[in-house]
């Protein structure tokens, strides 16, 4: 199990590297995106990678391998959506061949990880507090709605999206909905802390750039920006309180019992 912990921690570190690469639009990172895109879209990708990093580093640091199913289910849903889209486009855009097969490999690996890790018990912890469960229910519904709208190429984000990116971002949102749904169904605090930590990392990447966006946002996207910022503020407040201020739940960094 120690080797698995180290591998997960390493994945978290690599994701941080690429998160910063996308946030600052560095060539080594943006080169691996399937098509040219804008600054804000790269920022969003960086925020997603930062969220993945936060959860992976937490699992690797604490050894809470019982939290793996939620994350692997998230990746599986995202990768499966990407597989379908990339393979659909391959006939007219052969350059997407590599991305299709990489997505297929990610779907297979994450699916197998989900099936394997379901047998690993979580560390003993209290049930997830009711306000967190209610919040997760809101997040699931919001992410499913927004993800579906993005796949249908509706203007949900506070800037005009590349139509291809809109579909990929929609897959990400729907995958994230399953991430929170898993924690909602398996309602233990150690199965919810990773989600809040991920959301906090995502929020921290986006909140300041989005507040600055008020200066340049197109009028048609202003309401989208207001709603998005309200979501960022609300999710940050929930995460900060339950991760750092609530004495009953602030022990999320404590190591899990060693299982070999």
C-alpha atoms as a PDB file:
ATOM      1  CA  UNK A   1       0.000   0.000   0.000  1.00  0.00           C
ATOM      2  CA  UNK A   2       2.915   2.356   0.652  1.00  0.00           C
ATOM      3  CA  UNK A   3       3.953   2.186  -3.000  1.00  0.00           C
ATOM      4  CA  UNK A   4       0.416   3.109  -4.022  1.00  0.00           C
ATOM      5  CA  UNK A   5       0.479   6.064  -1.623  1.00  0.00           C
ATOM      6  CA  UNK A   6       3.779   7.282  -3.078  1.00  0.00           C
ATOM      7  CA  UNK A   7       2.461   6.884  -6.616  1.00  0.00           C
ATOM      8  CA  UNK A   8      -0.667   8.897  -5.810  1.00  0.00           C
ATOM      9  CA  UNK A   9       1.408  11.599  -4.126  1.00  0.00           C
ATOM     10  CA  UNK A  10       3.652  11.758  -7.209  1.00  0.00           C
ATOM     11  CA  UNK A  11       0.599  12.105  -9.440  1.00  0.00           C
ATOM     12  CA  UNK A  12      -0.464  15.034  -7.273  1.00  0.00           C
ATOM     13  CA  UNK A  13       2.915  16.723  -7.707  1.00  0.00           C
ATOM     14  CA  UNK A  14       2.877  16.233 -11.489  1.00  0.00           C
ATOM     15  CA  UNK A  15      -0.637  17.648 -11.635  1.00  0.00           C
ATOM     16  CA  UNK A  16       0.491  20.724  -9.701  1.00  0.00           C
ATOM     17  CA  UNK A  17       3.217  21.281 -12.285  1.00  0.00           C
ATOM     18  CA  UNK A  18       0.719  21.157 -15.145  1.00  0.00           C
ATOM     19  CA  UNK A  19      -1.829  23.184 -13.181  1.00  0.00           C
ATOM     20  CA  UNK A  20       0.648  26.058 -12.937  1.00  0.00           C
ATOM     21  CA  UNK A  21       1.552  25.507 -16.579  1.00  0.00           C
ATOM     22  CA  UNK A  22      -2.032  26.067 -17.661  1.00  0.00           C
ATOM     23  CA  UNK A  23      -2.660  28.893 -15.196  1.00  0.00           C
ATOM     24  CA  UNK A  24       0.334  30.826 -16.563  1.00  0.00           C
ATOM     25  CA  UNK A  25      -0.121  29.551 -20.157  1.00  0.00           C
ATOM     26  CA  UNK A  26       3.289  27.916 -20.377  1.00  0.00           C
ATOM     27  CA  UNK A  27       4.008  26.075 -23.605  1.00  0.00           C
ATOM     28  CA  UNK A  28       4.802  22.701 -22.026  1.00  0.00           C
ATOM     29  CA  UNK A  29       1.257  22.601 -20.625  1.00  0.00           C
ATOM     30  CA  UNK A  30      -0.862  24.268 -23.298  1.00  0.00           C
ATOM     31  CA  UNK A  31       0.843  22.097 -25.937  1.00  0.00           C
ATOM     32  CA  UNK A  32      -0.986  19.034 -24.601  1.00  0.00           C
ATOM     33  CA  UNK A  33      -4.427  20.647 -24.961  1.00  0.00           C
ATOM     34  CA  UNK A  34      -6.141  19.247 -28.089  1.00  0.00           C
ATOM     35  CA  UNK A  35      -6.676  22.653 -29.756  1.00  0.00           C
ATOM     36  CA  UNK A  36      -5.653  26.305 -29.337  1.00  0.00           C
ATOM     37  CA  UNK A  37      -7.715  28.060 -26.693  1.00  0.00           C
ATOM     38  CA  UNK A  38      -8.052  31.283 -24.753  1.00  0.00           C
ATOM     39  CA  UNK A  39      -6.504  32.499 -21.498  1.00  0.00           C
ATOM     40  CA  UNK A  40      -9.600  31.939 -19.387  1.00  0.00           C
ATOM     41  CA  UNK A  41     -10.143  28.428 -20.705  1.00  0.00           C
ATOM     42  CA  UNK A  42      -6.546  27.539 -19.870  1.00  0.00           C
ATOM     43  CA  UNK A  43      -7.108  29.052 -16.417  1.00  0.00           C
ATOM     44  CA  UNK A  44     -10.138  26.799 -15.950  1.00  0.00           C
ATOM     45  CA  UNK A  45      -8.128  23.715 -16.955  1.00  0.00           C
ATOM     46  CA  UNK A  46      -5.454  24.777 -14.448  1.00  0.00           C
ATOM     47  CA  UNK A  47      -8.082  25.059 -11.713  1.00  0.00           C
ATOM     48  CA  UNK A  48      -9.326  21.531 -12.444  1.00  0.00           C
ATOM     49  CA  UNK A  49      -5.779  20.156 -12.305  1.00  0.00           C
ATOM     50  CA  UNK A  50      -5.211  22.026  -9.028  1.00  0.00           C
ATOM     51  CA  UNK A  51      -8.351  20.370  -7.635  1.00  0.00           C
ATOM     52  CA  UNK A  52      -7.112  16.934  -8.695  1.00  0.00           C
ATOM     53  CA  UNK A  53      -3.721  17.693  -7.148  1.00  0.00           C
ATOM     54  CA  UNK A  54      -5.252  18.664  -3.808  1.00  0.00           C
ATOM     55  CA  UNK A  55      -7.160  15.400  -3.512  1.00  0.00           C
ATOM     56  CA  UNK A  56      -4.247  13.250  -4.709  1.00  0.00           C
ATOM     57  CA  UNK A  57      -1.760  14.885  -2.343  1.00  0.00           C
ATOM     58  CA  UNK A  58      -4.194  14.480   0.562  1.00  0.00           C
ATOM     59  CA  UNK A  59      -4.725  10.788  -0.164  1.00  0.00           C
ATOM     60  CA  UNK A  60      -1.007  10.209  -0.643  1.00  0.00           C
ATOM     61  CA  UNK A  61      -0.056  12.134   2.489  1.00  0.00           C
ATOM     62  CA  UNK A  62      -2.640  10.597   4.832  1.00  0.00           C
ATOM     63  CA  UNK A  63      -2.853   7.154   3.226  1.00  0.00           C
ATOM     64  CA  UNK A  64      -6.648   7.436   3.061  1.00  0.00           C
ATOM     65  CA  UNK A  65      -6.947   5.001   0.157  1.00  0.00           C
ATOM     66  CA  UNK A  66     -10.604   4.440   1.023  1.00  0.00           C
ATOM     67  CA  UNK A  67     -11.243   7.820  -0.622  1.00  0.00           C
ATOM     68  CA  UNK A  68      -9.943   6.568  -3.981  1.00  0.00           C
ATOM     69  CA  UNK A  69     -13.282   5.305  -5.367  1.00  0.00           C
ATOM     70  CA  UNK A  70     -14.808   8.793  -5.522  1.00  0.00           C
ATOM     71  CA  UNK A  71     -11.832  10.280  -7.361  1.00  0.00           C
ATOM     72  CA  UNK A  72     -11.419   7.350  -9.746  1.00  0.00           C
ATOM     73  CA  UNK A  73     -15.161   7.447 -10.548  1.00  0.00           C
ATOM     74  CA  UNK A  74     -14.799  11.149 -11.327  1.00  0.00           C
ATOM     75  CA  UNK A  75     -11.914  10.518 -13.743  1.00  0.00           C
ATOM     76  CA  UNK A  76     -13.713   7.545 -15.319  1.00  0.00           C
ATOM     77  CA  UNK A  77     -16.814   9.592 -16.184  1.00  0.00           C
ATOM     78  CA  UNK A  78     -14.730  12.470 -17.584  1.00  0.00           C
ATOM     79  CA  UNK A  79     -12.477  10.160 -19.605  1.00  0.00           C
ATOM     80  CA  UNK A  80     -15.421   8.170 -20.970  1.00  0.00           C
ATOM     81  CA  UNK A  81     -17.069  11.357 -22.213  1.00  0.00           C
ATOM     82  CA  UNK A  82     -13.819  12.469 -23.825  1.00  0.00           C
ATOM     83  CA  UNK A  83     -13.390   9.057 -25.491  1.00  0.00           C
ATOM     84  CA  UNK A  84     -16.811   9.333 -27.108  1.00  0.00           C
ATOM     85  CA  UNK A  85     -16.183  12.878 -28.340  1.00  0.00           C
ATOM     86  CA  UNK A  86     -12.641  12.348 -29.602  1.00  0.00           C
ATOM     87  CA  UNK A  87     -13.519   9.160 -31.438  1.00  0.00           C
ATOM     88  CA  UNK A  88     -16.533  10.904 -32.950  1.00  0.00           C
ATOM     89  CA  UNK A  89     -14.268  13.636 -34.336  1.00  0.00           C
ATOM     90  CA  UNK A  90     -11.397  11.400 -35.422  1.00  0.00           C
ATOM     91  CA  UNK A  91     -12.684  10.887 -38.959  1.00  0.00           C
ATOM     92  CA  UNK A  92     -12.591  14.591 -39.783  1.00  0.00           C
ATOM     93  CA  UNK A  93      -9.684  15.478 -37.456  1.00  0.00           C
ATOM     94  CA  UNK A  94      -7.057  12.705 -37.422  1.00  0.00           C
ATOM     95  CA  UNK A  95      -4.895  14.818 -35.069  1.00  0.00           C
ATOM     96  CA  UNK A  96      -7.273  13.822 -32.250  1.00  0.00           C
ATOM     97  CA  UNK A  97      -6.354  10.141 -32.645  1.00  0.00           C
ATOM     98  CA  UNK A  98      -3.786  10.302 -29.831  1.00  0.00           C
ATOM     99  CA  UNK A  99      -6.162  12.129 -27.476  1.00  0.00           C
ATOM    100  CA  UNK A 100      -8.848   9.524 -28.099  1.00  0.00           C
ATOM    101  CA  UNK A 101      -6.581   6.647 -27.167  1.00  0.00           C
ATOM    102  CA  UNK A 102      -5.137   8.467 -24.154  1.00  0.00           C
ATOM    103  CA  UNK A 103      -8.694   9.102 -22.941  1.00  0.00           C
ATOM    104  CA  UNK A 104      -9.549   5.437 -23.474  1.00  0.00           C
ATOM    105  CA  UNK A 105      -6.502   4.377 -21.434  1.00  0.00           C
ATOM    106  CA  UNK A 106      -7.492   6.824 -18.677  1.00  0.00           C
ATOM    107  CA  UNK A 107     -11.044   5.460 -18.659  1.00  0.00           C
ATOM    108  CA  UNK A 108      -9.835   1.861 -18.372  1.00  0.00           C
ATOM    109  CA  UNK A 109      -7.289   2.646 -15.652  1.00  0.00           C
ATOM    110  CA  UNK A 110      -9.692   4.743 -13.586  1.00  0.00           C
ATOM    111  CA  UNK A 111     -12.485   2.193 -14.006  1.00  0.00           C
ATOM    112  CA  UNK A 112     -10.261  -0.624 -12.792  1.00  0.00           C
ATOM    113  CA  UNK A 113      -9.040   1.562  -9.921  1.00  0.00           C
ATOM    114  CA  UNK A 114     -12.637   2.245  -8.900  1.00  0.00           C
ATOM    115  CA  UNK A 115     -13.514  -1.460  -8.874  1.00  0.00           C
ATOM    116  CA  UNK A 116     -10.357  -2.367  -6.939  1.00  0.00           C
ATOM    117  CA  UNK A 117     -10.458   0.464  -4.395  1.00  0.00           C
ATOM    118  CA  UNK A 118     -14.111  -0.107  -3.452  1.00  0.00           C
ATOM    119  CA  UNK A 119     -12.875  -2.947  -1.238  1.00  0.00           C
ATOM    120  CA  UNK A 120     -10.675  -0.602   0.823  1.00  0.00           C
ATOM    121  CA  UNK A 121     -12.445   0.626   3.978  1.00  0.00           C
ATOM    122  CA  UNK A 122     -12.354   4.259   4.999  1.00  0.00           C
ATOM    123  CA  UNK A 123     -10.790   5.235   8.295  1.00  0.00           C
ATOM    124  CA  UNK A 124     -13.273   5.554  11.121  1.00  0.00           C
ATOM    125  CA  UNK A 125     -14.794   9.022  11.042  1.00  0.00           C
ATOM    126  CA  UNK A 126     -18.062  10.748  11.925  1.00  0.00           C
ATOM    127  CA  UNK A 127     -20.846  11.031   9.400  1.00  0.00           C
ATOM    128  CA  UNK A 128     -20.648  13.963   7.017  1.00  0.00           C
ATOM    129  CA  UNK A 129     -22.274  17.033   8.639  1.00  0.00           C
ATOM    130  CA  UNK A 130     -25.762  17.756   7.335  1.00  0.00           C
ATOM    131  CA  UNK A 131     -24.894  21.218   5.905  1.00  0.00           C
ATOM    132  CA  UNK A 132     -22.113  19.579   3.861  1.00  0.00           C
ATOM    133  CA  UNK A 133     -24.509  16.903   2.609  1.00  0.00           C
ATOM    134  CA  UNK A 134     -27.035  19.548   1.610  1.00  0.00           C
ATOM    135  CA  UNK A 135     -24.268  21.494  -0.149  1.00  0.00           C
ATOM    136  CA  UNK A 136     -23.123  18.374  -1.982  1.00  0.00           C
ATOM    137  CA  UNK A 137     -26.698  17.778  -3.148  1.00  0.00           C
ATOM    138  CA  UNK A 138     -26.775  21.327  -4.513  1.00  0.00           C
ATOM    139  CA  UNK A 139     -23.384  20.818  -6.169  1.00  0.00           C
ATOM    140  CA  UNK A 140     -24.508  17.559  -7.825  1.00  0.00           C
ATOM    141  CA  UNK A 141     -27.654  19.153  -9.263  1.00  0.00           C
ATOM    142  CA  UNK A 142     -25.789  22.298 -10.371  1.00  0.00           C
ATOM    143  CA  UNK A 143     -22.940  20.371 -11.981  1.00  0.00           C
ATOM    144  CA  UNK A 144     -25.296  18.051 -13.859  1.00  0.00           C
ATOM    145  CA  UNK A 145     -27.290  21.025 -15.131  1.00  0.00           C
ATOM    146  CA  UNK A 146     -24.234  23.061 -16.106  1.00  0.00           C
ATOM    147  CA  UNK A 147     -22.437  20.049 -17.597  1.00  0.00           C
ATOM    148  CA  UNK A 148     -25.409  19.159 -19.778  1.00  0.00           C
ATOM    149  CA  UNK A 149     -25.757  22.777 -20.900  1.00  0.00           C
ATOM    150  CA  UNK A 150     -22.054  22.921 -21.806  1.00  0.00           C
ATOM    151  CA  UNK A 151     -22.289  19.703 -23.834  1.00  0.00           C
ATOM    152  CA  UNK A 152     -25.203  21.319 -25.664  1.00  0.00           C
ATOM    153  CA  UNK A 153     -22.907  24.346 -26.185  1.00  0.00           C
ATOM    154  CA  UNK A 154     -25.040  26.742 -24.173  1.00  0.00           C
ATOM    155  CA  UNK A 155     -23.422  29.931 -22.751  1.00  0.00           C
ATOM    156  CA  UNK A 156     -22.842  28.928 -19.125  1.00  0.00           C
ATOM    157  CA  UNK A 157     -19.329  30.316 -18.578  1.00  0.00           C
ATOM    158  CA  UNK A 158     -18.646  34.068 -18.299  1.00  0.00           C
ATOM    159  CA  UNK A 159     -16.757  34.096 -21.606  1.00  0.00           C
ATOM    160  CA  UNK A 160     -17.310  32.686 -25.072  1.00  0.00           C
ATOM    161  CA  UNK A 161     -16.027  29.113 -25.204  1.00  0.00           C
ATOM    162  CA  UNK A 162     -14.442  27.211 -28.023  1.00  0.00           C
ATOM    163  CA  UNK A 163     -17.298  24.796 -28.962  1.00  0.00           C
ATOM    164  CA  UNK A 164     -14.980  21.787 -28.574  1.00  0.00           C
ATOM    165  CA  UNK A 165     -13.824  22.972 -25.150  1.00  0.00           C
ATOM    166  CA  UNK A 166     -17.440  23.498 -24.126  1.00  0.00           C
ATOM    167  CA  UNK A 167     -18.091  19.782 -24.595  1.00  0.00           C
ATOM    168  CA  UNK A 168     -14.936  18.724 -22.731  1.00  0.00           C
ATOM    169  CA  UNK A 169     -15.732  21.126 -19.883  1.00  0.00           C
ATOM    170  CA  UNK A 170     -19.241  19.674 -19.796  1.00  0.00           C
ATOM    171  CA  UNK A 171     -17.763  16.200 -19.373  1.00  0.00           C
ATOM    172  CA  UNK A 172     -15.612  17.542 -16.533  1.00  0.00           C
ATOM    173  CA  UNK A 173     -18.627  19.015 -14.745  1.00  0.00           C
ATOM    174  CA  UNK A 174     -20.623  15.799 -15.080  1.00  0.00           C
ATOM    175  CA  UNK A 175     -17.644  13.803 -13.791  1.00  0.00           C
ATOM    176  CA  UNK A 176     -17.410  16.190 -10.848  1.00  0.00           C
ATOM    177  CA  UNK A 177     -21.112  15.634 -10.157  1.00  0.00           C
ATOM    178  CA  UNK A 178     -20.375  11.914  -9.680  1.00  0.00           C
ATOM    179  CA  UNK A 179     -17.457  12.858  -7.397  1.00  0.00           C
ATOM    180  CA  UNK A 180     -19.810  14.673  -5.018  1.00  0.00           C
ATOM    181  CA  UNK A 181     -22.585  12.114  -5.484  1.00  0.00           C
ATOM    182  CA  UNK A 182     -20.289   9.331  -4.252  1.00  0.00           C
ATOM    183  CA  UNK A 183     -19.565  11.325  -1.074  1.00  0.00           C
ATOM    184  CA  UNK A 184     -23.272  12.012  -0.686  1.00  0.00           C
ATOM    185  CA  UNK A 185     -24.171   8.317  -0.902  1.00  0.00           C
ATOM    186  CA  UNK A 186     -21.260   7.113   1.239  1.00  0.00           C
ATOM    187  CA  UNK A 187     -21.693   9.758   3.867  1.00  0.00           C
ATOM    188  CA  UNK A 188     -18.549   9.615   6.012  1.00  0.00           C
ATOM    189  CA  UNK A 189     -16.423  12.664   6.721  1.00  0.00           C
ATOM    190  CA  UNK A 190     -13.236  11.039   5.405  1.00  0.00           C
ATOM    191  CA  UNK A 191     -15.101  10.470   2.136  1.00  0.00           C
ATOM    192  CA  UNK A 192     -16.105  14.136   1.913  1.00  0.00           C
ATOM    193  CA  UNK A 193     -12.950  15.967   3.007  1.00  0.00           C
ATOM    194  CA  UNK A 194     -11.203  15.342  -0.310  1.00  0.00           C
ATOM    195  CA  UNK A 195     -14.091  16.861  -2.253  1.00  0.00           C
ATOM    196  CA  UNK A 196     -14.069  20.007  -0.142  1.00  0.00           C
ATOM    197  CA  UNK A 197     -10.294  20.279  -0.415  1.00  0.00           C
ATOM    198  CA  UNK A 198     -10.516  19.905  -4.196  1.00  0.00           C
ATOM    199  CA  UNK A 199     -13.241  22.519  -4.436  1.00  0.00           C
ATOM    200  CA  UNK A 200     -11.199  24.912  -2.289  1.00  0.00           C
ATOM    201  CA  UNK A 201      -8.162  24.550  -4.571  1.00  0.00           C
ATOM    202  CA  UNK A 202     -10.401  25.158  -7.602  1.00  0.00           C
ATOM    203  CA  UNK A 203     -11.908  28.231  -5.922  1.00  0.00           C
ATOM    204  CA  UNK A 204      -8.550  29.716  -4.969  1.00  0.00           C
ATOM    205  CA  UNK A 205      -7.298  29.509  -8.554  1.00  0.00           C
ATOM    206  CA  UNK A 206     -10.382  31.183 -10.035  1.00  0.00           C
ATOM    207  CA  UNK A 207     -11.714  33.681  -7.492  1.00  0.00           C
ATOM    208  CA  UNK A 208      -9.270  36.587  -8.013  1.00  0.00           C
ATOM    209  CA  UNK A 209      -9.109  36.358 -11.845  1.00  0.00           C
ATOM    210  CA  UNK A 210     -12.908  36.151 -11.979  1.00  0.00           C
ATOM    211  CA  UNK A 211     -13.315  39.189  -9.725  1.00  0.00           C
ATOM    212  CA  UNK A 212     -10.973  41.077 -12.041  1.00  0.00           C
ATOM    213  CA  UNK A 213     -13.017  39.894 -14.996  1.00  0.00           C
ATOM    214  CA  UNK A 214     -15.768  42.355 -14.021  1.00  0.00           C
ATOM    215  CA  UNK A 215     -13.660  45.073 -15.667  1.00  0.00           C
ATOM    216  CA  UNK A 216     -13.755  43.444 -19.113  1.00  0.00           C
ATOM    217  CA  UNK A 217     -16.632  40.952 -19.162  1.00  0.00           C
ATOM    218  CA  UNK A 218     -19.078  41.311 -22.038  1.00  0.00           C
ATOM    219  CA  UNK A 219     -22.530  42.467 -20.892  1.00  0.00           C
ATOM    220  CA  UNK A 220     -24.116  39.235 -22.145  1.00  0.00           C
ATOM    221  CA  UNK A 221     -21.894  37.223 -19.780  1.00  0.00           C
ATOM    222  CA  UNK A 222     -22.126  39.453 -16.685  1.00  0.00           C
ATOM    223  CA  UNK A 223     -24.930  37.462 -15.036  1.00  0.00           C
ATOM    224  CA  UNK A 224     -22.982  34.217 -15.668  1.00  0.00           C
ATOM    225  CA  UNK A 225     -19.968  35.781 -13.956  1.00  0.00           C
ATOM    226  CA  UNK A 226     -22.024  36.888 -10.935  1.00  0.00           C
ATOM    227  CA  UNK A 227     -23.530  33.406 -10.509  1.00  0.00           C
ATOM    228  CA  UNK A 228     -20.117  31.742 -10.932  1.00  0.00           C
ATOM    229  CA  UNK A 229     -18.502  33.999  -8.308  1.00  0.00           C
ATOM    230  CA  UNK A 230     -21.352  33.360  -5.858  1.00  0.00           C
ATOM    231  CA  UNK A 231     -20.755  29.620  -6.260  1.00  0.00           C
ATOM    232  CA  UNK A 232     -17.017  30.106  -5.673  1.00  0.00           C
ATOM    233  CA  UNK A 233     -17.643  32.168  -2.532  1.00  0.00           C
ATOM    234  CA  UNK A 234     -20.202  29.726  -1.133  1.00  0.00           C
ATOM    235  CA  UNK A 235     -18.110  26.607  -1.766  1.00  0.00           C
ATOM    236  CA  UNK A 236     -15.009  28.319  -0.331  1.00  0.00           C
ATOM    237  CA  UNK A 237     -16.882  29.258   2.826  1.00  0.00           C
ATOM    238  CA  UNK A 238     -18.163  25.694   3.318  1.00  0.00           C
ATOM    239  CA  UNK A 239     -14.708  24.215   2.685  1.00  0.00           C
ATOM    240  CA  UNK A 240     -12.845  26.652   4.936  1.00  0.00           C
ATOM    241  CA  UNK A 241     -15.269  26.189   7.830  1.00  0.00           C
ATOM    242  CA  UNK A 242     -15.402  22.389   7.809  1.00  0.00           C
ATOM    243  CA  UNK A 243     -11.759  21.810   6.921  1.00  0.00           C
ATOM    244  CA  UNK A 244     -10.192  24.319   9.306  1.00  0.00           C
ATOM    245  CA  UNK A 245     -12.654  25.800  11.820  1.00  0.00           C
ATOM    246  CA  UNK A 246     -15.103  23.101  12.870  1.00  0.00           C
ATOM    247  CA  UNK A 247     -13.373  21.093  15.645  1.00  0.00           C
ATOM    248  CA  UNK A 248     -15.347  17.955  14.773  1.00  0.00           C
ATOM    249  CA  UNK A 249     -14.083  17.843  11.182  1.00  0.00           C
ATOM    250  CA  UNK A 250     -10.732  19.661  11.256  1.00  0.00           C
ATOM    251  CA  UNK A 251      -8.742  16.417  11.678  1.00  0.00           C
ATOM    252  CA  UNK A 252      -8.746  15.559   7.969  1.00  0.00           C
ATOM    253  CA  UNK A 253      -4.933  15.673   7.802  1.00  0.00           C
ATOM    254  CA  UNK A 254      -4.522  12.925  10.394  1.00  0.00           C
ATOM    255  CA  UNK A 255      -2.984   9.766   8.891  1.00  0.00           C
ATOM    256  CA  UNK A 256      -5.148   6.776   8.121  1.00  0.00           C
ATOM    257  CA  UNK A 257      -4.332   3.449   9.829  1.00  0.00           C
ATOM    258  CA  UNK A 258      -1.611   1.608   7.959  1.00  0.00           C
ATOM    259  CA  UNK A 259      -2.746  -1.486   6.069  1.00  0.00           C
ATOM    260  CA  UNK A 260       0.561  -2.755   4.804  1.00  0.00           C
END
